[in-house]
Amino acid sequence: MFRLSALAALVAVVVFAPAARADDTEFFFKPNDRVVFLGDSITAQYQYSSYIELYLTTRMPKGNFTFLNAGIGGDTANGGAGRFQSHVLNEKPTAVTINFGMNDGGYGKFNPDASKRFAERTSAMLDMANKAGVRVALLSPNAVDRRNKSNGKEYVETQKQFYAPLKDLAAKHKTSFVDQYAITRAATDKMEIDDPTAKKAVPYYDGFHTSSPGGMLMAHSILTGLKAPAAVSDVVIENGKATPTKCKVEDLAGFPNASGVSFTRTDDALPMPVQKDWLPMLPYTNELRDLNYYGLTVKGLKAGDYTVSIDGVAVGKYSAKQLADGVNLGTVTAGPVWEQGNKVLQAINAKNQLVSQRFFGVVMFNAPDWLADVAKERKPLELQKRMEKIDAAQADIYKLATPVARKFAVKPAE
């Protein structure tokens, strides 16, 4: 894909407030983490959670993460607390995200009793996690989109009041907190202005369950709220010299009359492969400059338009001024780097079918009393067997995510 339209470039981006968290200087997720995503149907959709996986896998190709999903449709904080031991702690996680509240609020007017119960049961989960030594990222849910939800105007205000206790609960339990509601509310409020009838920017097909763009919007809000590093890598070329960051540059050559450059670039990590249906979300996610910045700056080119190619495949068209200011190749949707990242995403989706089958088919299986003795023996063995398949699939994903040397060229556009 070539550069975004001038109109999109002029759209003001949403300014996000920093998330409250136990440690405001470090990224929440750590290499070797065993992560459980806990929540309701929005978590069970495997969209925002899979895009968080995608970020962590491409950004840390030696991260050795394990990812499990314990989302159940229709669930609430009460249900989450009731199954926290069996569905979360029994998996021996080092980190868990908790994303309840959409169903708890009741989709209507604010209910003080329901809000009190929600806070109490959320607190119970945080207590259990703290006692087990598990890091928690507590999330308020995404704001409903008034354009696509029949009672959205009422419920989006209920949500604000209903989730208000979460920040203080996180502070009390010394856990990280991302006010996803506030971030996504700011984004959808802006979408209402730009696209009042929801023809282009549609994060949630029914106003709250995610489509692919909504999954990206949520993943962006969660990751940036948890202090995810913005830069994949960066190369600045000026006066015949390359200054690389988080990558290696070799074979730098300039073309005659300042008409372009070529070089070999080996990155430490891959950018996330931006999906084409994510593009309408870019104006509301800072054009991914704060999460997926795959930078290229070339100064001193003569005026005109230039094509950037990777391994001979054109990935973008930019003016000399844009290249001098620096462009983000992390938003392109074509080329060998994108294709490699997209294979990682496809492999993650395939692996998560195994994760889902293990969770719904084995973890959640409750044997009748007349099979209890057999299940007691067989269930742990089946869980381990399935986990071994998941671990093998994850190992293959990391092989796909290993960066390779790529030949870059910046030439005058034809």
Protein backbone atom coordinates (compact mmCIF):
# COMPACT_ATOMS: atom_id res chain seq x y z
CA MET A 1 0.00 0.00 0.00
CA PHE A 2 1.19 3.51 -0.75
CA ARG A 3 1.02 6.42 1.67
CA LEU A 4 -2.29 7.39 3.26
CA SER A 5 -4.40 10.02 1.59
CA ALA A 6 -3.83 13.65 2.40
CA LEU A 7 -7.21 13.72 4.11
CA ALA A 8 -6.31 10.87 6.44
CA ALA A 9 -2.98 12.49 7.21
CA LEU A 10 -4.76 15.65 8.30
CA VAL A 11 -7.14 13.91 10.69
CA ALA A 12 -6.32 14.85 14.26
CA VAL A 13 -5.26 11.87 16.30
CA VAL A 14 -6.80 11.05 19.65
CA VAL A 15 -4.64 12.03 22.61
CA PHE A 16 -4.60 9.19 25.10
CA ALA A 17 -4.16 9.66 28.83
CA PRO A 18 -1.47 7.49 30.40
CA ALA A 19 -2.69 4.38 32.17
CA ALA A 20 -2.33 4.03 35.91
CA ARG A 21 -0.14 1.06 36.77
CA ALA A 22 1.99 -0.41 39.50
CA ASP A 23 5.24 0.45 37.68
CA ASP A 24 4.90 3.35 35.29
CA THR A 25 8.27 2.86 33.59
CA GLU A 26 8.34 -0.74 32.36
CA PHE A 27 6.35 -2.72 29.84
CA PHE A 28 3.91 -5.05 31.58
CA PHE A 29 4.73 -8.18 29.56
CA LYS A 30 8.13 -9.84 30.02
CA PRO A 31 10.04 -12.48 28.02
CA ASN A 32 9.19 -16.04 29.10
CA ASP A 33 5.75 -14.96 30.35
CA ARG A 34 2.95 -17.50 30.42
CA VAL A 35 -0.06 -15.30 29.70
CA VAL A 36 -3.76 -15.98 30.29
CA PHE A 37 -6.36 -13.66 28.76
CA LEU A 38 -9.45 -13.80 31.02
CA GLY A 39 -12.80 -12.32 30.10
CA ASP A 40 -16.16 -12.69 28.40
CA SER A 41 -17.19 -13.18 24.76
CA ILE A 42 -15.06 -10.27 23.57
CA THR A 43 -12.00 -12.11 24.89
CA ALA A 44 -13.33 -15.41 23.53
CA GLN A 45 -13.37 -13.85 20.04
CA TYR A 46 -9.58 -14.22 19.86
CA GLN A 47 -9.16 -10.83 18.23
CA TYR A 48 -7.65 -8.28 20.60
CA SER A 49 -5.86 -11.09 22.42
CA SER A 50 -4.43 -12.50 19.18
CA TYR A 51 -3.23 -9.05 18.12
CA ILE A 52 -1.51 -8.63 21.49
CA GLU A 53 0.11 -12.00 20.80
CA LEU A 54 1.08 -10.79 17.35
CA TYR A 55 2.76 -7.71 18.77
CA LEU A 56 4.65 -9.67 21.42
CA THR A 57 5.73 -12.40 19.00
CA THR A 58 6.93 -10.11 16.21
CA ARG A 59 8.49 -7.57 18.59
CA MET A 60 10.22 -10.22 20.71
CA PRO A 61 11.07 -13.08 18.32
CA LYS A 62 13.04 -14.76 21.11
CA GLY A 63 10.48 -13.93 23.80
CA ASN A 64 9.46 -17.53 24.54
CA PHE A 65 5.90 -16.54 25.43
CA THR A 66 3.01 -18.93 26.01
CA PHE A 67 -0.52 -17.64 25.43
CA LEU A 68 -3.79 -19.11 26.70
CA ASN A 69 -7.32 -17.73 26.44
CA ALA A 70 -9.99 -18.20 29.12
CA GLY A 71 -12.76 -16.08 27.62
CA ILE A 72 -16.35 -17.35 27.93
CA GLY A 73 -19.34 -15.75 26.23
CA GLY A 74 -21.79 -14.02 28.56
CA ASP A 75 -19.46 -14.17 31.55
CA THR A 76 -19.10 -11.58 34.30
CA ALA A 77 -16.63 -10.72 37.05
CA ASN A 78 -18.64 -13.00 39.34
CA GLY A 79 -18.10 -15.90 36.97
CA GLY A 80 -14.47 -15.00 36.51
CA ALA A 81 -13.86 -14.99 40.25
CA GLY A 82 -15.63 -18.33 40.60
CA ARG A 83 -13.40 -19.98 38.01
CA PHE A 84 -10.21 -18.02 38.65
CA GLN A 85 -8.48 -20.93 40.34
CA SER A 86 -9.47 -23.62 37.84
CA HIS A 87 -9.21 -21.61 34.62
CA VAL A 88 -6.38 -19.23 35.47
CA LEU A 89 -4.20 -20.18 38.41
CA ASN A 90 -4.19 -23.89 37.57
CA GLU A 91 -2.47 -22.92 34.30
CA LYS A 92 0.47 -21.51 36.31
CA PRO A 93 0.54 -18.12 34.55
CA THR A 94 3.05 -15.39 35.25
CA ALA A 95 0.74 -12.70 33.80
CA VAL A 96 -3.00 -12.37 33.30
CA THR A 97 -5.24 -9.74 31.74
CA ILE A 98 -8.71 -9.34 33.28
CA ASN A 99 -11.36 -7.86 31.00
CA PHE A 100 -14.86 -8.02 32.50
CA GLY A 101 -17.63 -5.47 32.82
CA MET A 102 -19.47 -5.37 29.51
CA ASN A 103 -22.12 -7.84 30.69
CA ASP A 104 -21.87 -6.84 34.36
CA GLY A 105 -23.26 -3.38 33.62
CA GLY A 106 -26.49 -4.86 32.27
CA TYR A 107 -26.71 -2.81 29.05
CA GLY A 108 -29.11 -0.34 30.66
CA LYS A 109 -29.27 2.29 33.37
CA PHE A 110 -26.64 2.36 36.11
CA ASN A 111 -27.33 -0.21 38.83
CA PRO A 112 -25.51 0.56 42.11
CA ASP A 113 -25.91 -2.97 43.47
CA ALA A 114 -24.52 -4.50 40.29
CA SER A 115 -21.62 -2.04 40.36
CA LYS A 116 -20.84 -2.95 43.97
CA ARG A 117 -20.89 -6.67 43.15
CA PHE A 118 -18.67 -6.08 40.12
CA ALA A 119 -16.09 -4.25 42.23
CA GLU A 120 -16.19 -6.91 44.96
CA ARG A 121 -15.71 -9.81 42.57
CA THR A 122 -12.98 -7.98 40.67
CA SER A 123 -11.24 -7.36 43.98
CA ALA A 124 -11.50 -11.07 44.76
CA MET A 125 -9.70 -11.93 41.51
CA LEU A 126 -6.96 -9.42 42.27
CA ASP A 127 -6.54 -10.90 45.75
CA MET A 128 -6.17 -14.40 44.36
CA ALA A 129 -3.67 -13.27 41.75
CA ASN A 130 -1.58 -11.37 44.28
CA LYS A 131 -1.47 -14.33 46.65
CA ALA A 132 -0.32 -16.54 43.78
CA GLY A 133 2.35 -14.04 42.71
CA VAL A 134 0.75 -13.45 39.30
CA ARG A 135 1.11 -10.07 37.57
CA VAL A 136 -2.25 -8.60 36.57
CA ALA A 137 -3.27 -6.08 33.96
CA LEU A 138 -6.78 -4.96 34.91
CA LEU A 139 -8.74 -3.56 31.97
CA SER A 140 -11.95 -1.63 31.79
CA PRO A 141 -13.98 -2.85 28.78
CA ASN A 142 -14.19 -1.07 25.45
CA ALA A 143 -16.80 1.66 25.16
CA VAL A 144 -19.88 0.73 23.15
CA ASP A 145 -20.28 2.52 19.83
CA ARG A 146 -23.47 4.59 19.90
CA ARG A 147 -23.69 4.45 16.10
CA ASN A 148 -24.17 0.66 16.08
CA LYS A 149 -25.90 -0.10 19.38
CA SER A 150 -29.60 0.60 19.82
CA ASN A 151 -29.30 1.84 23.42
CA GLY A 152 -25.69 2.91 23.07
CA LYS A 153 -26.28 6.53 24.08
CA GLU A 154 -27.54 5.37 27.46
CA TYR A 155 -25.17 2.46 28.05
CA VAL A 156 -21.96 4.25 27.11
CA GLU A 157 -22.68 6.68 29.98
CA THR A 158 -23.56 3.82 32.33
CA GLN A 159 -20.20 2.25 31.49
CA LYS A 160 -18.31 5.35 32.59
CA GLN A 161 -19.91 5.27 36.04
CA PHE A 162 -19.86 1.49 36.35
CA TYR A 163 -16.13 1.10 35.67
CA ALA A 164 -15.06 4.09 37.76
CA PRO A 165 -13.95 1.95 40.78
CA LEU A 166 -11.44 -0.06 38.75
CA LYS A 167 -8.62 2.49 38.88
CA ASP A 168 -8.73 2.62 42.67
CA LEU A 169 -9.00 -1.16 42.92
CA ALA A 170 -5.87 -1.53 40.79
CA ALA A 171 -4.03 0.98 42.96
CA LYS A 172 -5.13 -0.78 46.13
CA HIS A 173 -3.91 -4.15 44.87
CA LYS A 174 -0.80 -2.66 43.23
CA THR A 175 -1.69 -3.99 39.81
CA SER A 176 -1.48 -2.39 36.36
CA PHE A 177 -4.61 -0.73 35.01
CA VAL A 178 -5.61 0.42 31.54
CA ASP A 179 -8.77 2.49 31.23
CA GLN A 180 -9.65 0.97 27.90
CA TYR A 181 -13.13 2.43 28.17
CA ALA A 182 -11.81 6.01 28.21
CA ILE A 183 -9.37 5.37 25.35
CA THR A 184 -11.86 3.66 23.06
CA ARG A 185 -14.59 6.17 24.02
CA ALA A 186 -12.36 9.01 22.85
CA ALA A 187 -11.76 7.13 19.61
CA THR A 188 -15.42 6.33 18.88
CA ASP A 189 -16.47 9.88 19.81
CA LYS A 190 -14.07 11.09 17.12
CA MET A 191 -15.42 8.49 14.69
CA GLU A 192 -18.92 9.88 15.24
CA ILE A 193 -17.70 13.25 13.98
CA ASP A 194 -15.76 11.89 11.02
CA ASP A 195 -18.12 9.05 10.04
CA PRO A 196 -21.50 9.61 11.72
CA THR A 197 -23.28 6.75 9.97
CA ALA A 198 -20.47 4.22 10.50
CA LYS A 199 -19.80 3.54 6.84
CA LYS A 200 -15.99 3.30 7.04
CA ALA A 201 -14.73 3.27 10.62
CA VAL A 202 -16.54 0.30 12.19
CA PRO A 203 -14.68 -1.26 15.13
CA TYR A 204 -17.64 -3.24 16.51
CA TYR A 205 -20.16 -4.82 14.16
CA ASP A 206 -22.94 -4.76 16.78
CA GLY A 207 -21.66 -1.84 18.82
CA PHE A 208 -19.49 -3.79 21.27
CA HIS A 209 -18.30 -7.16 19.90
CA THR A 210 -15.18 -6.65 17.85
CA SER A 211 -14.67 -6.95 14.17
CA SER A 212 -11.03 -7.13 13.10
CA PRO A 213 -10.59 -3.32 13.21
CA GLY A 214 -12.05 -3.24 16.73
CA GLY A 215 -9.66 -5.96 17.83
CA MET A 216 -6.79 -3.78 16.64
CA LEU A 217 -8.26 -0.71 18.35
CA MET A 218 -8.47 -2.65 21.62
CA ALA A 219 -5.00 -4.19 21.30
CA HIS A 220 -3.55 -0.74 20.60
CA SER A 221 -5.22 0.78 23.66
CA ILE A 222 -4.12 -2.10 25.92
CA LEU A 223 -0.55 -2.33 24.68
CA THR A 224 0.14 1.40 24.70
CA GLY A 225 -1.54 1.64 28.10
CA LEU A 226 0.83 -1.03 29.37
CA LYS A 227 3.86 0.90 28.04
CA ALA A 228 4.64 -1.22 25.00
CA PRO A 229 7.73 0.02 23.12
CA ALA A 230 6.76 2.01 20.05
CA ALA A 231 9.70 1.35 17.75
CA VAL A 232 10.33 -1.85 15.84
CA SER A 233 13.50 -0.44 14.29
CA ASP A 234 14.66 2.68 12.49
CA VAL A 235 17.19 3.71 9.87
CA VAL A 236 18.29 7.31 9.23
CA ILE A 237 20.41 7.95 6.14
CA GLU A 238 22.16 11.30 5.77
CA ASN A 239 25.34 12.42 4.02
CA GLY A 240 26.18 8.91 2.90
CA LYS A 241 25.96 7.48 6.40
CA ALA A 242 23.34 5.20 7.96
CA THR A 243 22.35 5.43 11.61
CA PRO A 244 20.46 2.25 12.50
CA THR A 245 18.42 1.58 15.63
CA LYS A 246 17.47 -1.99 16.55
CA CYS A 247 18.75 -3.23 13.20
CA LYS A 248 21.93 -3.59 11.15
CA VAL A 249 22.61 -1.79 7.84
CA GLU A 250 25.13 -2.99 5.28
CA ASP A 251 26.01 -2.26 1.64
CA LEU A 252 24.79 1.33 1.71
CA ALA A 253 25.05 2.90 -1.74
CA GLY A 254 23.87 6.26 -3.03
CA PHE A 255 22.55 6.83 -6.54
CA PRO A 256 23.95 9.62 -8.78
CA ASN A 257 22.67 13.16 -8.32
CA ALA A 258 21.02 12.39 -4.97
CA SER A 259 18.41 10.32 -6.80
CA GLY A 260 18.12 7.49 -4.29
CA VAL A 261 19.85 4.93 -2.08
CA SER A 262 20.02 1.19 -1.55
CA PHE A 263 21.10 -0.88 1.44
CA THR A 264 20.68 -4.21 3.18
CA ARG A 265 18.74 -4.08 6.45
CA THR A 266 18.59 -6.83 9.05
CA ASP A 267 16.10 -6.02 11.80
CA ASP A 268 16.06 -7.27 15.36
CA ALA A 269 12.29 -7.74 15.10
CA LEU A 270 9.38 -7.58 12.66
CA PRO A 271 6.62 -4.98 12.50
CA MET A 272 3.08 -6.20 13.02
CA PRO A 273 1.50 -6.84 9.60
CA VAL A 274 -1.22 -4.21 9.29
CA GLN A 275 -4.37 -5.79 7.86
CA LYS A 276 -6.18 -3.85 5.16
CA ASP A 277 -9.35 -3.70 7.22
CA TRP A 278 -7.36 -2.00 10.02
CA LEU A 279 -6.65 1.03 7.85
CA PRO A 280 -9.82 2.97 8.84
CA MET A 281 -8.63 2.72 12.47
CA LEU A 282 -5.23 4.32 11.84
CA PRO A 283 -6.39 7.93 12.36
CA TYR A 284 -7.71 6.86 15.78
CA THR A 285 -4.61 4.91 16.84
CA ASN A 286 -1.98 7.58 16.21
CA GLU A 287 -1.23 5.99 12.81
CA LEU A 288 0.48 3.28 14.93
CA ARG A 289 3.49 5.54 15.42
CA ASP A 290 3.31 4.76 19.13
CA LEU A 291 3.16 0.97 18.68
CA ASN A 292 4.42 -0.20 15.29
CA TYR A 293 7.01 2.33 14.10
CA TYR A 294 9.17 0.74 11.40
CA GLY A 295 11.08 3.81 10.41
CA LEU A 296 12.99 4.98 7.37
CA THR A 297 14.47 8.46 6.95
CA VAL A 298 16.47 9.51 3.90
CA LYS A 299 17.75 13.08 3.85
CA GLY A 300 19.22 15.01 0.96
CA LEU A 301 17.19 13.55 -1.90
CA LYS A 302 16.37 15.88 -4.77
CA ALA A 303 12.75 17.01 -4.95
CA GLY A 304 10.22 14.56 -6.30
CA ASP A 305 8.40 11.35 -5.48
CA TYR A 306 10.17 8.10 -4.63
CA THR A 307 9.24 4.45 -4.48
CA VAL A 308 10.49 2.42 -1.53
CA SER A 309 11.00 -1.24 -2.37
CA ILE A 310 12.00 -4.24 -0.28
CA ASP A 311 13.59 -7.20 -2.06
CA GLY A 312 12.42 -5.67 -5.33
CA VAL A 313 8.77 -5.26 -4.28
CA ALA A 314 7.36 -1.73 -4.09
CA VAL A 315 5.81 -1.05 -0.68
CA GLY A 316 5.23 2.70 -0.66
CA LYS A 317 5.46 5.96 -2.56
CA TYR A 318 6.67 9.06 -0.72
CA SER A 319 7.89 12.55 -1.49
CA ALA A 320 11.47 13.60 -0.80
CA LYS A 321 10.15 15.78 2.03
CA GLN A 322 8.28 12.89 3.63
CA LEU A 323 11.37 10.71 3.46
CA ALA A 324 13.48 13.50 4.94
CA ASP A 325 11.00 13.81 7.82
CA GLY A 326 10.84 10.01 8.28
CA VAL A 327 8.15 7.56 7.19
CA ASN A 328 6.58 4.64 9.04
CA LEU A 329 6.76 1.51 6.91
CA GLY A 330 4.89 -0.26 9.71
CA THR A 331 1.59 0.72 8.09
CA VAL A 332 2.23 -0.77 4.64
CA THR A 333 0.11 -3.75 3.61
CA ALA A 334 2.37 -5.38 1.03
CA GLY A 335 5.91 -6.58 0.50
CA PRO A 336 8.11 -9.34 1.90
CA VAL A 337 8.37 -7.96 5.45
CA TRP A 338 4.58 -7.65 5.63
CA GLU A 339 4.15 -11.11 4.13
CA GLN A 340 6.48 -12.63 6.71
CA GLY A 341 4.56 -10.96 9.53
CA ASN A 342 1.26 -12.05 8.02
CA LYS A 343 2.42 -15.67 8.01
CA VAL A 344 3.08 -15.23 11.73
CA LEU A 345 -0.49 -13.97 12.21
CA GLN A 346 -1.94 -16.87 10.24
CA ALA A 347 0.09 -19.33 12.32
CA ILE A 348 -1.09 -17.66 15.54
CA ASN A 349 -4.70 -18.02 14.40
CA ALA A 350 -4.15 -21.69 13.60
CA LYS A 351 -2.43 -22.31 16.94
CA ASN A 352 -5.26 -20.61 18.78
CA GLN A 353 -7.70 -23.16 17.39
CA LEU A 354 -5.74 -25.69 19.45
CA VAL A 355 -5.87 -23.36 22.46
CA SER A 356 -9.65 -22.97 22.12
CA GLN A 357 -10.21 -26.70 21.69
CA ARG A 358 -8.14 -27.44 24.78
CA PHE A 359 -10.03 -24.87 26.86
CA PHE A 360 -13.59 -25.67 25.83
CA GLY A 361 -13.08 -29.38 25.26
CA VAL A 362 -10.84 -30.31 28.19
CA VAL A 363 -10.35 -27.52 30.75
CA MET A 364 -14.10 -26.87 30.96
CA PHE A 365 -15.12 -30.53 30.77
CA ASN A 366 -16.96 -31.73 33.88
CA ALA A 367 -17.47 -35.48 33.99
CA PRO A 368 -20.66 -37.00 35.39
CA ASP A 369 -20.22 -38.68 38.75
CA TRP A 370 -20.07 -42.14 37.21
CA LEU A 371 -17.02 -41.11 35.18
CA ALA A 372 -15.33 -39.03 37.86
CA ASP A 373 -12.64 -41.61 38.59
CA VAL A 374 -11.74 -41.97 34.91
CA ALA A 375 -11.74 -38.19 34.34
CA LYS A 376 -9.49 -37.64 37.37
CA GLU A 377 -6.90 -39.85 35.74
CA ARG A 378 -7.37 -38.90 32.10
CA LYS A 379 -7.97 -35.15 32.23
CA PRO A 380 -4.46 -34.10 33.41
CA LEU A 381 -2.91 -36.35 30.77
CA GLU A 382 -5.09 -34.89 28.03
CA LEU A 383 -4.34 -31.34 29.15
CA GLN A 384 -0.62 -32.05 28.96
CA LYS A 385 -0.95 -33.75 25.58
CA ARG A 386 -2.83 -30.78 24.14
CA MET A 387 -0.37 -28.34 25.71
CA GLU A 388 2.53 -30.10 24.05
CA LYS A 389 0.86 -29.59 20.66
CA ILE A 390 0.32 -25.90 21.48
CA ASP A 391 3.96 -25.51 22.55
CA ALA A 392 5.13 -27.13 19.32
CA ALA A 393 2.94 -24.80 17.28
CA GLN A 394 4.32 -21.82 19.22
CA ALA A 395 7.88 -22.93 18.49
CA ASP A 396 7.05 -23.00 14.78
CA ILE A 397 5.58 -19.50 15.06
CA TYR A 398 8.86 -18.21 16.48
CA LYS A 399 10.71 -19.72 13.52
CA LEU A 400 8.42 -17.76 11.20
CA ALA A 401 9.04 -14.59 13.21
CA THR A 402 12.85 -14.68 12.86
CA PRO A 403 13.97 -11.58 10.89
CA VAL A 404 16.12 -12.01 7.79
CA ALA A 405 18.27 -9.62 5.75
CA ARG A 406 16.27 -7.53 3.28
CA LYS A 407 17.43 -5.38 0.35
CA PHE A 408 15.92 -1.88 0.49
CA ALA A 409 15.93 0.62 -2.35
CA VAL A 410 14.63 4.18 -2.63
CA LYS A 411 14.32 5.20 -6.29
CA PRO A 412 12.51 7.92 -8.24
CA ALA A 413 8.90 6.94 -8.84
CA GLU A 414 8.04 6.10 -12.41
